[in-house]
Amino acid sequence: MRLTHLLPLLSLATALPSLTPRQRKERDAEMLFLFGVPGISGSGNSANFIGRGTPGECQNFPSFVKGFKEANPIDGFTCTLYLESNCRGSAITIGPTDPWRAAGDRGGGKKDPVIESWKCSRIGRKGGD
């Protein structure tokens, strides 16, 4: 490769922001624990799911998460669960001492709503991150 081909690549590499180790870790932070997610294991039994992402950013649940029995923020986080994707619609906020629990079949065909997205923030941080 000629030097003239390398110069644009070098300028691009220097223009990209460098992330601190803490920023890299925050991009994949474990923030939300779901208990009793049906069908993850493929055997028809329920399993658990850990929601990862960047604090303060909206996360849509993967397509295989079609419901769960309980949602708990991981220590140090508070989370908001939304009924629509992209963190829209009705929502409920849960903290370390107040998890969300499914009520199950309420009779008359009424079931718990499907929660489609979530956003978690660190407790005690301004700006939600």
N, C-alpha and C. Protein backbone atom coordinates (compact mmCIF):
# COMPACT_ATOMS: atom_id res chain seq x y z
N MET A 1 0.84 -1.17 0.00
CA MET A 1 0.00 0.00 0.00
C MET A 1 0.89 1.24 0.00
N ARG A 2 0.53 2.21 -0.78
CA ARG A 2 1.31 3.43 -0.87
C ARG A 2 1.03 4.34 0.32
N LEU A 3 1.99 5.17 0.60
CA LEU A 3 1.86 6.13 1.69
C LEU A 3 0.67 7.06 1.46
N THR A 4 0.40 7.39 0.22
CA THR A 4 -0.73 8.29 -0.06
C THR A 4 -2.07 7.62 0.29
N HIS A 5 -2.11 6.30 0.28
CA HIS A 5 -3.33 5.58 0.67
C HIS A 5 -3.46 5.51 2.19
N LEU A 6 -2.33 5.52 2.87
CA LEU A 6 -2.35 5.41 4.33
C LEU A 6 -2.70 6.72 5.03
N LEU A 7 -2.37 7.85 4.41
CA LEU A 7 -2.62 9.14 5.06
C LEU A 7 -4.09 9.37 5.41
N PRO A 8 -5.06 9.10 4.53
CA PRO A 8 -6.45 9.29 4.93
C PRO A 8 -6.86 8.37 6.08
N LEU A 9 -6.33 7.17 6.10
CA LEU A 9 -6.65 6.24 7.19
C LEU A 9 -6.09 6.72 8.51
N LEU A 10 -4.87 7.26 8.47
CA LEU A 10 -4.26 7.77 9.68
C LEU A 10 -5.01 8.98 10.21
N SER A 11 -5.45 9.85 9.33
CA SER A 11 -6.19 11.03 9.79
C SER A 11 -7.55 10.62 10.36
N LEU A 12 -8.17 9.60 9.80
CA LEU A 12 -9.43 9.10 10.34
C LEU A 12 -9.22 8.50 11.72
N ALA A 13 -8.17 7.75 11.90
CA ALA A 13 -7.90 7.13 13.20
C ALA A 13 -7.65 8.18 14.27
N THR A 14 -7.00 9.25 13.93
CA THR A 14 -6.75 10.29 14.93
C THR A 14 -7.98 11.13 15.20
N ALA A 15 -8.93 11.15 14.26
CA ALA A 15 -10.16 11.94 14.44
C ALA A 15 -11.17 11.22 15.33
N LEU A 16 -11.09 9.90 15.42
CA LEU A 16 -12.04 9.15 16.24
C LEU A 16 -11.77 9.40 17.72
N PRO A 17 -12.83 9.61 18.49
CA PRO A 17 -12.60 9.84 19.92
C PRO A 17 -12.11 8.56 20.60
N SER A 18 -11.18 8.72 21.49
CA SER A 18 -10.70 7.55 22.22
C SER A 18 -11.54 7.43 23.49
N LEU A 19 -11.94 6.21 23.80
CA LEU A 19 -12.76 5.96 24.97
C LEU A 19 -11.89 5.55 26.14
N THR A 20 -12.23 6.05 27.30
CA THR A 20 -11.53 5.62 28.50
C THR A 20 -11.99 4.21 28.84
N PRO A 21 -11.24 3.47 29.65
CA PRO A 21 -11.70 2.14 30.05
C PRO A 21 -13.08 2.19 30.71
N ARG A 22 -13.35 3.23 31.48
CA ARG A 22 -14.67 3.35 32.13
C ARG A 22 -15.77 3.52 31.10
N GLN A 23 -15.53 4.35 30.06
CA GLN A 23 -16.53 4.56 29.01
C GLN A 23 -16.79 3.27 28.24
N ARG A 24 -15.74 2.50 27.97
CA ARG A 24 -15.93 1.21 27.27
C ARG A 24 -16.76 0.26 28.12
N LYS A 25 -16.49 0.24 29.43
CA LYS A 25 -17.24 -0.63 30.33
C LYS A 25 -18.70 -0.20 30.41
N GLU A 26 -18.96 1.10 30.43
CA GLU A 26 -20.33 1.63 30.53
C GLU A 26 -21.16 1.26 29.31
N ARG A 27 -20.56 1.08 28.16
CA ARG A 27 -21.31 0.75 26.95
C ARG A 27 -21.92 -0.63 27.01
N ASP A 28 -21.43 -1.49 27.88
CA ASP A 28 -21.94 -2.85 28.00
C ASP A 28 -22.27 -3.16 29.45
N ALA A 29 -22.82 -2.19 30.15
CA ALA A 29 -23.13 -2.36 31.57
C ALA A 29 -24.32 -3.29 31.75
N GLU A 30 -24.22 -4.18 32.74
CA GLU A 30 -25.35 -5.02 33.11
C GLU A 30 -26.25 -4.17 34.00
N MET A 31 -27.51 -3.97 33.57
CA MET A 31 -28.38 -3.05 34.29
C MET A 31 -29.71 -3.65 34.73
N LEU A 32 -30.20 -4.66 34.02
CA LEU A 32 -31.55 -5.17 34.29
C LEU A 32 -31.54 -6.69 34.27
N PHE A 33 -32.18 -7.30 35.26
CA PHE A 33 -32.26 -8.75 35.35
C PHE A 33 -33.71 -9.17 35.20
N LEU A 34 -33.99 -10.04 34.23
CA LEU A 34 -35.33 -10.58 34.04
C LEU A 34 -35.33 -12.04 34.49
N PHE A 35 -36.32 -12.39 35.29
CA PHE A 35 -36.47 -13.75 35.78
C PHE A 35 -37.71 -14.35 35.12
N GLY A 36 -37.60 -15.60 34.71
CA GLY A 36 -38.75 -16.31 34.17
C GLY A 36 -39.13 -15.89 32.77
N VAL A 37 -38.14 -15.79 31.87
CA VAL A 37 -38.41 -15.48 30.48
C VAL A 37 -38.71 -16.80 29.77
N PRO A 38 -39.94 -16.99 29.27
CA PRO A 38 -40.27 -18.27 28.66
C PRO A 38 -39.56 -18.51 27.34
N GLY A 39 -39.14 -19.75 27.15
CA GLY A 39 -38.63 -20.17 25.86
C GLY A 39 -37.20 -19.84 25.51
N ILE A 40 -36.44 -19.15 26.36
CA ILE A 40 -35.05 -18.82 26.01
C ILE A 40 -34.21 -20.09 25.87
N SER A 41 -34.42 -21.03 26.77
CA SER A 41 -33.57 -22.23 26.77
C SER A 41 -33.88 -23.15 25.60
N GLY A 42 -35.00 -22.93 24.91
CA GLY A 42 -35.35 -23.78 23.78
C GLY A 42 -36.06 -25.05 24.21
N SER A 43 -36.13 -25.29 25.51
CA SER A 43 -36.76 -26.51 25.99
C SER A 43 -38.19 -26.26 26.44
N GLY A 44 -38.67 -25.04 26.28
CA GLY A 44 -40.00 -24.72 26.75
C GLY A 44 -40.00 -24.24 28.19
N ASN A 45 -38.87 -24.39 28.88
CA ASN A 45 -38.77 -23.90 30.25
C ASN A 45 -38.39 -22.43 30.23
N SER A 46 -38.62 -21.76 31.35
CA SER A 46 -38.23 -20.36 31.41
C SER A 46 -36.77 -20.24 31.84
N ALA A 47 -36.20 -19.11 31.52
CA ALA A 47 -34.80 -18.85 31.86
C ALA A 47 -34.67 -17.40 32.29
N ASN A 48 -33.47 -16.96 32.51
CA ASN A 48 -33.20 -15.59 32.94
C ASN A 48 -32.50 -14.83 31.82
N PHE A 49 -32.58 -13.52 31.88
CA PHE A 49 -32.00 -12.64 30.87
C PHE A 49 -31.40 -11.44 31.57
N ILE A 50 -30.21 -11.04 31.15
CA ILE A 50 -29.57 -9.84 31.69
C ILE A 50 -29.55 -8.78 30.60
N GLY A 51 -30.19 -7.63 30.90
CA GLY A 51 -30.20 -6.51 29.97
C GLY A 51 -28.92 -5.71 30.08
N ARG A 52 -28.24 -5.54 28.98
CA ARG A 52 -26.98 -4.80 28.93
C ARG A 52 -27.14 -3.62 27.99
N GLY A 53 -26.37 -2.60 28.24
CA GLY A 53 -26.38 -1.43 27.36
C GLY A 53 -25.65 -0.28 27.98
N THR A 54 -25.92 0.90 27.48
CA THR A 54 -25.32 2.12 27.99
C THR A 54 -26.33 2.81 28.89
N PRO A 55 -25.94 3.13 30.12
CA PRO A 55 -26.87 3.82 31.02
C PRO A 55 -27.44 5.09 30.39
N GLY A 56 -28.74 5.27 30.56
CA GLY A 56 -29.41 6.44 30.02
C GLY A 56 -29.90 6.30 28.60
N GLU A 57 -29.57 5.19 27.92
CA GLU A 57 -30.00 4.98 26.54
C GLU A 57 -31.11 3.94 26.48
N CYS A 58 -32.06 4.15 25.59
CA CYS A 58 -33.18 3.24 25.41
C CYS A 58 -32.70 1.92 24.80
N GLN A 59 -33.28 0.82 25.29
CA GLN A 59 -32.98 -0.50 24.75
C GLN A 59 -34.31 -1.20 24.44
N ASN A 60 -34.46 -1.74 23.25
CA ASN A 60 -35.61 -2.58 22.94
C ASN A 60 -35.26 -4.00 23.34
N PHE A 61 -36.24 -4.72 23.88
CA PHE A 61 -35.98 -6.12 24.21
C PHE A 61 -35.79 -6.91 22.92
N PRO A 62 -34.90 -7.91 22.93
CA PRO A 62 -34.73 -8.76 21.75
C PRO A 62 -36.05 -9.49 21.45
N SER A 63 -36.21 -9.92 20.23
CA SER A 63 -37.47 -10.55 19.80
C SER A 63 -37.80 -11.82 20.59
N PHE A 64 -36.80 -12.49 21.15
CA PHE A 64 -37.09 -13.72 21.89
C PHE A 64 -37.63 -13.45 23.29
N VAL A 65 -37.58 -12.22 23.77
CA VAL A 65 -38.15 -11.89 25.08
C VAL A 65 -39.60 -11.48 24.84
N LYS A 66 -40.50 -12.43 25.09
CA LYS A 66 -41.93 -12.20 24.84
C LYS A 66 -42.70 -11.97 26.13
N GLY A 67 -42.02 -11.94 27.23
CA GLY A 67 -42.63 -11.75 28.53
C GLY A 67 -41.67 -12.24 29.59
N PHE A 68 -41.99 -11.97 30.85
CA PHE A 68 -41.17 -12.43 31.96
C PHE A 68 -41.98 -12.32 33.23
N LYS A 69 -41.51 -13.03 34.25
CA LYS A 69 -42.24 -13.05 35.52
C LYS A 69 -41.83 -11.91 36.45
N GLU A 70 -40.57 -11.50 36.35
CA GLU A 70 -40.08 -10.46 37.26
C GLU A 70 -38.94 -9.69 36.61
N ALA A 71 -38.89 -8.38 36.88
CA ALA A 71 -37.80 -7.53 36.40
C ALA A 71 -37.20 -6.81 37.60
N ASN A 72 -35.89 -6.90 37.74
CA ASN A 72 -35.16 -6.24 38.83
C ASN A 72 -33.99 -5.45 38.28
N PRO A 73 -33.87 -4.19 38.67
CA PRO A 73 -32.65 -3.47 38.30
C PRO A 73 -31.46 -4.08 39.05
N ILE A 74 -30.33 -4.11 38.42
CA ILE A 74 -29.12 -4.57 39.08
C ILE A 74 -28.67 -3.46 40.02
N ASP A 75 -28.07 -3.82 41.15
CA ASP A 75 -27.66 -2.84 42.17
C ASP A 75 -27.01 -1.62 41.54
N GLY A 76 -27.45 -0.45 42.00
CA GLY A 76 -26.90 0.80 41.53
C GLY A 76 -27.68 1.44 40.40
N PHE A 77 -28.77 0.77 39.94
CA PHE A 77 -29.56 1.29 38.83
C PHE A 77 -31.02 1.42 39.22
N THR A 78 -31.70 2.31 38.54
CA THR A 78 -33.15 2.39 38.53
C THR A 78 -33.55 2.30 37.05
N CYS A 79 -34.63 1.57 36.76
CA CYS A 79 -35.00 1.31 35.37
C CYS A 79 -36.46 1.66 35.11
N THR A 80 -36.74 2.09 33.89
CA THR A 80 -38.09 2.35 33.45
C THR A 80 -38.42 1.35 32.35
N LEU A 81 -39.57 0.67 32.51
CA LEU A 81 -40.04 -0.31 31.55
C LEU A 81 -41.18 0.31 30.75
N TYR A 82 -41.13 0.16 29.42
CA TYR A 82 -42.10 0.81 28.53
C TYR A 82 -42.93 -0.24 27.78
N LEU A 83 -44.20 0.10 27.53
CA LEU A 83 -45.10 -0.80 26.81
C LEU A 83 -44.88 -0.77 25.30
N GLU A 84 -44.18 0.23 24.80
CA GLU A 84 -43.92 0.33 23.37
C GLU A 84 -42.41 0.31 23.12
N SER A 85 -42.04 -0.01 21.90
CA SER A 85 -40.63 0.01 21.53
C SER A 85 -40.11 1.44 21.56
N ASN A 86 -38.81 1.57 21.57
CA ASN A 86 -38.12 2.86 21.56
C ASN A 86 -38.48 3.75 22.76
N CYS A 87 -38.80 3.10 23.88
CA CYS A 87 -39.08 3.79 25.15
C CYS A 87 -40.20 4.81 25.01
N ARG A 88 -41.31 4.36 24.44
CA ARG A 88 -42.49 5.20 24.30
C ARG A 88 -43.68 4.53 24.97
N GLY A 89 -44.72 5.29 25.16
CA GLY A 89 -45.96 4.76 25.72
C GLY A 89 -45.94 4.74 27.24
N SER A 90 -46.91 4.06 27.79
CA SER A 90 -47.02 3.95 29.25
C SER A 90 -45.77 3.28 29.81
N ALA A 91 -45.42 3.67 31.03
CA ALA A 91 -44.18 3.18 31.62
C ALA A 91 -44.32 3.03 33.12
N ILE A 92 -43.45 2.22 33.67
CA ILE A 92 -43.34 2.07 35.12
C ILE A 92 -41.85 2.09 35.47
N THR A 93 -41.51 2.80 36.53
CA THR A 93 -40.12 2.87 36.97
C THR A 93 -39.94 1.97 38.18
N ILE A 94 -38.88 1.17 38.13
CA ILE A 94 -38.58 0.23 39.22
C ILE A 94 -37.20 0.53 39.78
N GLY A 95 -37.03 0.26 41.05
CA GLY A 95 -35.75 0.47 41.71
C GLY A 95 -35.28 -0.80 42.38
N PRO A 96 -34.15 -0.74 43.06
CA PRO A 96 -33.58 -1.93 43.69
C PRO A 96 -34.49 -2.58 44.72
N THR A 97 -35.34 -1.80 45.36
CA THR A 97 -36.20 -2.37 46.39
C THR A 97 -37.64 -2.58 45.93
N ASP A 98 -37.95 -2.22 44.68
CA ASP A 98 -39.32 -2.39 44.18
C ASP A 98 -39.33 -2.98 42.77
N PRO A 99 -39.07 -4.29 42.64
CA PRO A 99 -39.07 -4.92 41.32
C PRO A 99 -40.48 -4.97 40.73
N TRP A 100 -40.55 -5.22 39.42
CA TRP A 100 -41.84 -5.42 38.76
C TRP A 100 -42.11 -6.92 38.73
N ARG A 101 -43.30 -7.30 39.13
CA ARG A 101 -43.69 -8.72 39.10
C ARG A 101 -44.97 -8.86 38.28
N ALA A 102 -44.98 -9.88 37.45
CA ALA A 102 -46.15 -10.15 36.62
C ALA A 102 -47.28 -10.66 37.50
N ALA A 103 -48.47 -10.19 37.22
CA ALA A 103 -49.64 -10.67 37.96
C ALA A 103 -50.16 -11.96 37.34
N GLY A 104 -49.79 -12.23 36.09
CA GLY A 104 -50.26 -13.44 35.42
C GLY A 104 -51.66 -13.26 34.88
N ASP A 105 -52.35 -14.37 34.69
CA ASP A 105 -53.72 -14.34 34.17
C ASP A 105 -54.63 -13.76 35.24
N ARG A 106 -55.30 -12.68 34.92
CA ARG A 106 -56.15 -11.99 35.88
C ARG A 106 -57.62 -12.40 35.74
N GLY A 107 -57.88 -13.41 34.92
CA GLY A 107 -59.25 -13.83 34.69
C GLY A 107 -59.88 -13.02 33.58
N GLY A 108 -60.86 -13.61 32.92
CA GLY A 108 -61.56 -12.91 31.84
C GLY A 108 -60.66 -12.61 30.66
N GLY A 109 -59.57 -13.35 30.50
CA GLY A 109 -58.68 -13.15 29.37
C GLY A 109 -57.71 -11.99 29.54
N LYS A 110 -57.75 -11.29 30.67
CA LYS A 110 -56.83 -10.17 30.90
C LYS A 110 -55.49 -10.70 31.36
N LYS A 111 -54.45 -10.31 30.66
CA LYS A 111 -53.09 -10.73 31.02
C LYS A 111 -52.22 -9.50 31.19
N ASP A 112 -51.03 -9.72 31.72
CA ASP A 112 -50.09 -8.61 31.88
C ASP A 112 -49.76 -8.02 30.52
N PRO A 113 -49.53 -6.71 30.47
CA PRO A 113 -49.13 -6.10 29.19
C PRO A 113 -47.74 -6.56 28.79
N VAL A 114 -47.48 -6.52 27.51
CA VAL A 114 -46.15 -6.88 27.01
C VAL A 114 -45.26 -5.64 27.10
N ILE A 115 -44.15 -5.78 27.77
CA ILE A 115 -43.19 -4.69 27.93
C ILE A 115 -42.16 -4.84 26.81
N GLU A 116 -41.99 -3.79 26.01
CA GLU A 116 -41.16 -3.90 24.81
C GLU A 116 -39.80 -3.22 24.87
N SER A 117 -39.63 -2.26 25.79
CA SER A 117 -38.35 -1.57 25.85
C SER A 117 -38.06 -1.10 27.27
N TRP A 118 -36.83 -0.64 27.49
CA TRP A 118 -36.40 -0.25 28.83
C TRP A 118 -35.24 0.74 28.75
N LYS A 119 -35.10 1.47 29.84
CA LYS A 119 -33.97 2.41 29.97
C LYS A 119 -33.59 2.43 31.45
N CYS A 120 -32.32 2.28 31.74
CA CYS A 120 -31.84 2.30 33.13
C CYS A 120 -30.84 3.43 33.31
N SER A 121 -30.83 3.97 34.51
CA SER A 121 -29.89 5.04 34.87
C SER A 121 -29.22 4.68 36.18
N ARG A 122 -28.01 5.13 36.33
CA ARG A 122 -27.31 4.93 37.59
C ARG A 122 -27.96 5.78 38.66
N ILE A 123 -28.12 5.23 39.84
CA ILE A 123 -28.70 5.97 40.96
C ILE A 123 -27.69 7.01 41.41
N GLY A 124 -28.15 8.24 41.58
CA GLY A 124 -27.29 9.29 42.11
C GLY A 124 -26.48 10.03 41.07
N ARG A 125 -26.66 9.73 39.79
CA ARG A 125 -25.92 10.45 38.73
C ARG A 125 -26.85 11.42 38.05
N LYS A 126 -26.39 12.63 37.81
CA LYS A 126 -27.18 13.60 37.04
C LYS A 126 -27.15 13.23 35.57
N GLY A 127 -28.24 13.54 34.89
CA GLY A 127 -28.29 13.27 33.44
C GLY A 127 -28.65 11.85 33.11
N GLY A 128 -28.89 11.00 34.08
CA GLY A 128 -29.36 9.65 33.83
C GLY A 128 -28.32 8.66 33.38
N ASP A 129 -27.04 9.02 33.40
CA ASP A 129 -26.05 8.03 32.94
C ASP A 129 -25.13 7.57 34.03
